[in-house]
PDB file of N, CA and C in Angstrom:
ATOM      1  N   MET A   1       9.168  -1.130  16.018  1.00  0.00           N
ATOM      2  CA  MET A   1       9.301  -0.886  14.585  1.00  0.00           C
ATOM      3  C   MET A   1       8.193   0.063  14.141  1.00  0.00           C
ATOM      4  N   THR A   2       8.528   1.009  13.711  1.00  0.00           N
ATOM      5  CA  THR A   2       7.821   1.872  13.043  1.00  0.00           C
ATOM      6  C   THR A   2       7.716   1.939  11.415  1.00  0.00           C
ATOM      7  N   VAL A   3       6.387   1.984  11.229  1.00  0.00           N
ATOM      8  CA  VAL A   3       6.124   2.140   9.213  1.00  0.00           C
ATOM      9  C   VAL A   3       5.772   3.703   9.037  1.00  0.00           C
ATOM     10  N   ASN A   4       6.308   3.783   8.221  1.00  0.00           N
ATOM     11  CA  ASN A   4       6.036   5.693   7.834  1.00  0.00           C
ATOM     12  C   ASN A   4       5.631   5.213   6.222  1.00  0.00           C
ATOM     13  N   ASP A   5       4.934   6.347   5.807  1.00  0.00           N
ATOM     14  CA  ASP A   5       4.178   6.224   4.390  1.00  0.00           C
ATOM     15  C   ASP A   5       5.435   7.334   3.617  1.00  0.00           C
ATOM     16  N   SER A   6       5.158   7.439   2.513  1.00  0.00           N
ATOM     17  CA  SER A   6       6.100   8.677   1.736  1.00  0.00           C
ATOM     18  C   SER A   6       6.157   9.733   2.233  1.00  0.00           C
ATOM     19  N   ASN A   7       5.208  10.398   3.235  1.00  0.00           N
ATOM     20  CA  ASN A   7       5.192  11.647   3.805  1.00  0.00           C
ATOM     21  C   ASN A   7       5.657  11.703   4.976  1.00  0.00           C
ATOM     22  N   GLY A   8       6.330  10.611   5.658  1.00  0.00           N
ATOM     23  CA  GLY A   8       6.733  10.212   7.243  1.00  0.00           C
ATOM     24  C   GLY A   8       5.525  10.089   7.988  1.00  0.00           C
ATOM     25  N   ASN A   9       4.557  10.029   7.588  1.00  0.00           N
ATOM     26  CA  ASN A   9       3.288   9.651   8.706  1.00  0.00           C
ATOM     27  C   ASN A   9       3.564   8.331   9.141  1.00  0.00           C
ATOM     28  N   GLU A  10       3.262   8.052  10.397  1.00  0.00           N
ATOM     29  CA  GLU A  10       3.341   6.503  10.593  1.00  0.00           C
ATOM     30  C   GLU A  10       2.178   6.018  10.245  1.00  0.00           C
ATOM     31  N   LEU A  11       2.333   4.712   9.877  1.00  0.00           N
ATOM     32  CA  LEU A  11       0.803   3.668   9.680  1.00  0.00           C
ATOM     33  C   LEU A  11       0.841   2.713  10.760  1.00  0.00           C
ATOM     34  N   ALA A  12      -0.505   2.261  10.935  1.00  0.00           N
ATOM     35  CA  ALA A  12      -0.825   1.176  11.843  1.00  0.00           C
ATOM     36  C   ALA A  12      -1.893   0.318  11.137  1.00  0.00           C
ATOM     37  N   ALA A  13      -1.636  -1.003  11.599  1.00  0.00           N
ATOM     38  CA  ALA A  13      -2.714  -1.556  10.966  1.00  0.00           C
ATOM     39  C   ALA A  13      -4.301  -1.258  10.985  1.00  0.00           C
ATOM     40  N   GLY A  14      -4.839  -1.261   9.989  1.00  0.00           N
ATOM     41  CA  GLY A  14      -5.928  -1.077   9.971  1.00  0.00           C
ATOM     42  C   GLY A  14      -6.614   0.513   9.053  1.00  0.00           C
ATOM     43  N   ASP A  15      -5.411   1.248   9.093  1.00  0.00           N
ATOM     44  CA  ASP A  15      -5.467   2.189   8.254  1.00  0.00           C
ATOM     45  C   ASP A  15      -5.623   2.135   6.582  1.00  0.00           C
ATOM     46  N   SER A  16      -6.024   3.324   6.063  1.00  0.00           N
ATOM     47  CA  SER A  16      -6.190   3.580   4.491  1.00  0.00           C
ATOM     48  C   SER A  16      -5.050   4.271   3.967  1.00  0.00           C
ATOM     49  N   VAL A  17      -4.635   3.700   2.885  1.00  0.00           N
ATOM     50  CA  VAL A  17      -3.488   4.395   2.268  1.00  0.00           C
ATOM     51  C   VAL A  17      -4.001   4.462   0.642  1.00  0.00           C
ATOM     52  N   GLN A  18      -3.572   5.606  -0.028  1.00  0.00           N
ATOM     53  CA  GLN A  18      -3.470   6.041  -1.372  1.00  0.00           C
ATOM     54  C   GLN A  18      -2.245   5.895  -2.152  1.00  0.00           C
ATOM     55  N   LEU A  19      -2.416   5.510  -3.512  1.00  0.00           N
ATOM     56  CA  LEU A  19      -1.136   5.276  -3.972  1.00  0.00           C
ATOM     57  C   LEU A  19      -1.177   6.610  -4.514  1.00  0.00           C
ATOM     58  N   ILE A  20       0.330   6.860  -4.783  1.00  0.00           N
ATOM     59  CA  ILE A  20       0.921   8.273  -5.291  1.00  0.00           C
ATOM     60  C   ILE A  20       1.439   8.035  -6.593  1.00  0.00           C
ATOM     61  N   LYS A  21       1.702   6.770  -7.257  1.00  0.00           N
ATOM     62  CA  LYS A  21       1.949   6.368  -8.602  1.00  0.00           C
ATOM     63  C   LYS A  21       1.152   5.348  -9.186  1.00  0.00           C
ATOM     64  N   ASP A  22       1.155   5.469 -10.617  1.00  0.00           N
ATOM     65  CA  ASP A  22       0.660   4.093 -11.281  1.00  0.00           C
ATOM     66  C   ASP A  22       1.889   2.947 -10.917  1.00  0.00           C
ATOM     67  N   LEU A  23       1.021   1.788 -10.743  1.00  0.00           N
ATOM     68  CA  LEU A  23       1.695   0.524 -10.410  1.00  0.00           C
ATOM     69  C   LEU A  23       1.243  -0.619 -11.134  1.00  0.00           C
ATOM     70  N   LYS A  24       2.187  -1.389 -12.084  1.00  0.00           N
ATOM     71  CA  LYS A  24       2.106  -2.694 -12.473  1.00  0.00           C
ATOM     72  C   LYS A  24       2.284  -3.768 -11.702  1.00  0.00           C
ATOM     73  N   VAL A  25       1.342  -4.589 -11.185  1.00  0.00           N
ATOM     74  CA  VAL A  25       1.318  -5.863 -10.618  1.00  0.00           C
ATOM     75  C   VAL A  25       1.816  -6.862 -11.271  1.00  0.00           C
ATOM     76  N   LYS A  26       2.603  -7.378 -10.543  1.00  0.00           N
ATOM     77  CA  LYS A  26       3.626  -8.664 -11.519  1.00  0.00           C
ATOM     78  C   LYS A  26       2.766  -9.560 -11.276  1.00  0.00           C
ATOM     79  N   GLY A  27       2.724 -10.482 -12.275  1.00  0.00           N
ATOM     80  CA  GLY A  27       1.911 -11.668 -12.805  1.00  0.00           C
ATOM     81  C   GLY A  27       0.694 -11.468 -13.088  1.00  0.00           C
ATOM     82  N   THR A  28       0.190 -10.273 -13.234  1.00  0.00           N
ATOM     83  CA  THR A  28      -1.101  -9.999 -13.672  1.00  0.00           C
ATOM     84  C   THR A  28      -1.042  -9.008 -14.690  1.00  0.00           C
ATOM     85  N   SER A  29      -2.034  -8.410 -15.511  1.00  0.00           N
ATOM     86  CA  SER A  29      -2.149  -7.584 -16.511  1.00  0.00           C
ATOM     87  C   SER A  29      -2.892  -6.198 -15.981  1.00  0.00           C
ATOM     88  N   VAL A  30      -2.836  -5.917 -14.842  1.00  0.00           N
ATOM     89  CA  VAL A  30      -3.668  -5.217 -13.782  1.00  0.00           C
ATOM     90  C   VAL A  30      -2.698  -3.922 -13.672  1.00  0.00           C
ATOM     91  N   THR A  31      -2.894  -2.743 -13.808  1.00  0.00           N
ATOM     92  CA  THR A  31      -2.320  -1.584 -13.569  1.00  0.00           C
ATOM     93  C   THR A  31      -3.019  -0.568 -12.510  1.00  0.00           C
ATOM     94  N   LEU A  32      -2.434  -0.710 -11.487  1.00  0.00           N
ATOM     95  CA  LEU A  32      -3.222   0.130  -9.985  1.00  0.00           C
ATOM     96  C   LEU A  32      -2.740   1.938 -10.316  1.00  0.00           C
ATOM     97  N   LYS A  33      -4.009   2.401 -10.456  1.00  0.00           N
ATOM     98  CA  LYS A  33      -3.749   3.838 -11.185  1.00  0.00           C
ATOM     99  C   LYS A  33      -3.575   4.795  -9.606  1.00  0.00           C
ATOM    100  N   ARG A  34      -3.024   5.600 -10.136  1.00  0.00           N
ATOM    101  CA  ARG A  34      -2.389   6.647  -8.948  1.00  0.00           C
ATOM    102  C   ARG A  34      -4.026   7.087  -8.104  1.00  0.00           C
ATOM    103  N   GLY A  35      -3.922   7.335  -6.752  1.00  0.00           N
ATOM    104  CA  GLY A  35      -4.994   7.633  -6.253  1.00  0.00           C
ATOM    105  C   GLY A  35      -5.926   6.297  -5.885  1.00  0.00           C
ATOM    106  N   THR A  36      -5.673   5.274  -6.366  1.00  0.00           N
ATOM    107  CA  THR A  36      -6.221   4.090  -5.780  1.00  0.00           C
ATOM    108  C   THR A  36      -6.175   3.827  -4.098  1.00  0.00           C
ATOM    109  N   VAL A  37      -7.289   3.755  -3.471  1.00  0.00           N
ATOM    110  CA  VAL A  37      -7.341   3.416  -1.724  1.00  0.00           C
ATOM    111  C   VAL A  37      -7.472   2.008  -1.940  1.00  0.00           C
ATOM    112  N   ALA A  38      -6.244   1.994  -0.954  1.00  0.00           N
ATOM    113  CA  ALA A  38      -6.391   0.462   0.111  1.00  0.00           C
ATOM    114  C   ALA A  38      -6.771   0.465   1.269  1.00  0.00           C
ATOM    115  N   LYS A  39      -7.648  -0.069   1.911  1.00  0.00           N
ATOM    116  CA  LYS A  39      -8.224   0.324   3.134  1.00  0.00           C
ATOM    117  C   LYS A  39      -7.868  -1.104   3.798  1.00  0.00           C
ATOM    118  N   ASN A  40      -7.498  -0.802   5.249  1.00  0.00           N
ATOM    119  CA  ASN A  40      -7.507  -1.913   6.240  1.00  0.00           C
ATOM    120  C   ASN A  40      -6.346  -2.474   5.868  1.00  0.00           C
ATOM    121  N   ILE A  41      -5.180  -2.090   5.973  1.00  0.00           N
ATOM    122  CA  ILE A  41      -3.790  -2.515   5.635  1.00  0.00           C
ATOM    123  C   ILE A  41      -3.309  -3.061   6.756  1.00  0.00           C
ATOM    124  N   ARG A  42      -2.434  -4.263   6.542  1.00  0.00           N
ATOM    125  CA  ARG A  42      -1.761  -5.204   7.600  1.00  0.00           C
ATOM    126  C   ARG A  42      -0.162  -4.633   7.510  1.00  0.00           C
ATOM    127  N   LEU A  43       0.386  -4.629   8.781  1.00  0.00           N
ATOM    128  CA  LEU A  43       1.840  -4.493   9.009  1.00  0.00           C
ATOM    129  C   LEU A  43       2.360  -5.834   8.418  1.00  0.00           C
ATOM    130  N   THR A  44       3.854  -5.816   8.102  1.00  0.00           N
ATOM    131  CA  THR A  44       4.625  -7.081   7.561  1.00  0.00           C
ATOM    132  C   THR A  44       5.480  -7.125   8.671  1.00  0.00           C
ATOM    133  N   ASP A  45       6.797  -7.868   8.780  1.00  0.00           N
ATOM    134  CA  ASP A  45       7.696  -8.031   9.208  1.00  0.00           C
ATOM    135  C   ASP A  45       8.846  -6.924   8.706  1.00  0.00           C
ATOM    136  N   ASP A  46       8.711  -6.552   7.538  1.00  0.00           N
ATOM    137  CA  ASP A  46       9.662  -5.418   7.245  1.00  0.00           C
ATOM    138  C   ASP A  46       9.041  -3.914   7.225  1.00  0.00           C
ATOM    139  N   ASP A  47       9.687  -3.209   7.604  1.00  0.00           N
ATOM    140  CA  ASP A  47       9.310  -1.926   7.721  1.00  0.00           C
ATOM    141  C   ASP A  47       9.302  -1.260   6.509  1.00  0.00           C
ATOM    142  N   GLU A  48       9.198  -1.534   5.311  1.00  0.00           N
ATOM    143  CA  GLU A  48       8.967  -0.886   4.117  1.00  0.00           C
ATOM    144  C   GLU A  48       7.833  -1.248   3.222  1.00  0.00           C
ATOM    145  N   GLU A  49       7.346  -2.468   3.859  1.00  0.00           N
ATOM    146  CA  GLU A  49       6.052  -3.197   2.699  1.00  0.00           C
ATOM    147  C   GLU A  49       4.711  -3.266   3.928  1.00  0.00           C
ATOM    148  N   ILE A  50       3.807  -3.229   3.413  1.00  0.00           N
ATOM    149  CA  ILE A  50       2.424  -3.765   3.954  1.00  0.00           C
ATOM    150  C   ILE A  50       1.826  -4.388   3.260  1.00  0.00           C
ATOM    151  N   GLU A  51       0.830  -5.258   3.730  1.00  0.00           N
ATOM    152  CA  GLU A  51      -0.101  -6.047   2.782  1.00  0.00           C
ATOM    153  C   GLU A  51      -1.318  -5.553   2.973  1.00  0.00           C
ATOM    154  N   CYS A  52      -2.067  -5.585   1.674  1.00  0.00           N
ATOM    155  CA  CYS A  52      -3.410  -5.053   1.543  1.00  0.00           C
ATOM    156  C   CYS A  52      -4.312  -5.817   0.396  1.00  0.00           C
ATOM    157  N   ASN A  53      -5.597  -5.218   0.492  1.00  0.00           N
ATOM    158  CA  ASN A  53      -6.515  -5.712  -0.512  1.00  0.00           C
ATOM    159  C   ASN A  53      -6.966  -4.761  -1.313  1.00  0.00           C
ATOM    160  N   VAL A  54      -6.843  -4.796  -2.758  1.00  0.00           N
ATOM    161  CA  VAL A  54      -7.455  -3.724  -3.243  1.00  0.00           C
ATOM    162  C   VAL A  54      -8.365  -4.296  -4.407  1.00  0.00           C
ATOM    163  N   ASP A  55      -9.555  -3.558  -4.810  1.00  0.00           N
ATOM    164  CA  ASP A  55     -10.639  -4.132  -5.749  1.00  0.00           C
ATOM    165  C   ASP A  55     -10.555  -5.291  -6.828  1.00  0.00           C
ATOM    166  N   LYS A  56      -9.144  -5.108  -7.367  1.00  0.00           N
ATOM    167  CA  LYS A  56      -8.890  -5.954  -8.639  1.00  0.00           C
ATOM    168  C   LYS A  56      -7.763  -7.282  -8.098  1.00  0.00           C
ATOM    169  N   VAL A  57      -7.076  -6.882  -7.040  1.00  0.00           N
ATOM    170  CA  VAL A  57      -5.771  -7.490  -6.532  1.00  0.00           C
ATOM    171  C   VAL A  57      -5.978  -8.187  -4.962  1.00  0.00           C
ATOM    172  N   LYS A  58      -5.884  -9.551  -4.633  1.00  0.00           N
ATOM    173  CA  LYS A  58      -6.284  -9.706  -3.227  1.00  0.00           C
ATOM    174  C   LYS A  58      -4.909  -9.995  -2.515  1.00  0.00           C
ATOM    175  N   GLY A  59      -4.428  -9.795  -1.669  1.00  0.00           N
ATOM    176  CA  GLY A  59      -3.216 -10.393  -0.646  1.00  0.00           C
ATOM    177  C   GLY A  59      -2.002  -9.606  -1.356  1.00  0.00           C
ATOM    178  N   LEU A  60      -2.190  -8.271  -1.972  1.00  0.00           N
ATOM    179  CA  LEU A  60      -1.046  -7.504  -2.531  1.00  0.00           C
ATOM    180  C   LEU A  60      -0.041  -6.989  -1.766  1.00  0.00           C
ATOM    181  N   VAL A  61       1.152  -6.823  -1.731  1.00  0.00           N
ATOM    182  CA  VAL A  61       2.465  -6.038  -0.998  1.00  0.00           C
ATOM    183  C   VAL A  61       2.763  -5.305  -1.761  1.00  0.00           C
ATOM    184  N   LEU A  62       2.940  -4.010  -0.747  1.00  0.00           N
ATOM    185  CA  LEU A  62       3.003  -2.760  -1.416  1.00  0.00           C
ATOM    186  C   LEU A  62       4.512  -2.145  -0.821  1.00  0.00           C
ATOM    187  N   LYS A  63       4.976  -1.393  -1.359  1.00  0.00           N
ATOM    188  CA  LYS A  63       6.088  -0.789  -0.912  1.00  0.00           C
ATOM    189  C   LYS A  63       5.624   0.643  -0.018  1.00  0.00           C
ATOM    190  N   THR A  64       6.152   1.283   0.821  1.00  0.00           N
ATOM    191  CA  THR A  64       5.836   2.162   1.585  1.00  0.00           C
ATOM    192  C   THR A  64       6.087   3.549   1.073  1.00  0.00           C
ATOM    193  N   CYS A  65       7.221   3.773   0.096  1.00  0.00           N
ATOM    194  CA  CYS A  65       7.427   4.927  -0.729  1.00  0.00           C
ATOM    195  C   CYS A  65       6.573   5.359  -1.944  1.00  0.00           C
ATOM    196  N   PHE A  66       5.761   4.059  -2.126  1.00  0.00           N
ATOM    197  CA  PHE A  66       4.459   4.738  -3.252  1.00  0.00           C
ATOM    198  C   PHE A  66       2.910   4.949  -2.517  1.00  0.00           C
ATOM    199  N   LEU A  67       2.835   5.376  -0.896  1.00  0.00           N
ATOM    200  CA  LEU A  67       1.632   5.373  -0.472  1.00  0.00           C
ATOM    201  C   LEU A  67       1.857   6.378   0.619  1.00  0.00           C
ATOM    202  N   LYS A  68       0.459   7.042   0.633  1.00  0.00           N
ATOM    203  CA  LYS A  68       0.305   7.947   1.489  1.00  0.00           C
ATOM    204  C   LYS A  68      -1.094   7.768   2.351  1.00  0.00           C
ATOM    205  N   LYS A  69      -1.049   8.125   3.718  1.00  0.00           N
ATOM    206  CA  LYS A  69      -1.955   7.764   4.392  1.00  0.00           C
ATOM    207  C   LYS A  69      -3.237   8.589   3.957  1.00  0.00           C
ATOM    208  N   VAL A  70      -4.234   7.960   4.120  1.00  0.00           N
ATOM    209  CA  VAL A  70      -5.567   8.869   3.964  1.00  0.00           C
ATOM    210  C   VAL A  70      -6.205   9.711   5.269  1.00  0.00           C
TER     211      VAL A  70
END
């Protein structure tokens, strides 16, 4: 299984990714701004999702179509 970002670059566990769009986080009042960096990502069973920690939110699951590799 390969996991790719929005540009087609392959992602691996431990990579850093950057958001390419402002995203509202469900269940909180937090909005993650474009350009926010998520470090040390973890891959999931789904090839279109990753897990990560961001400054304000821990244990966040993001779709890879909103990410680019740093």
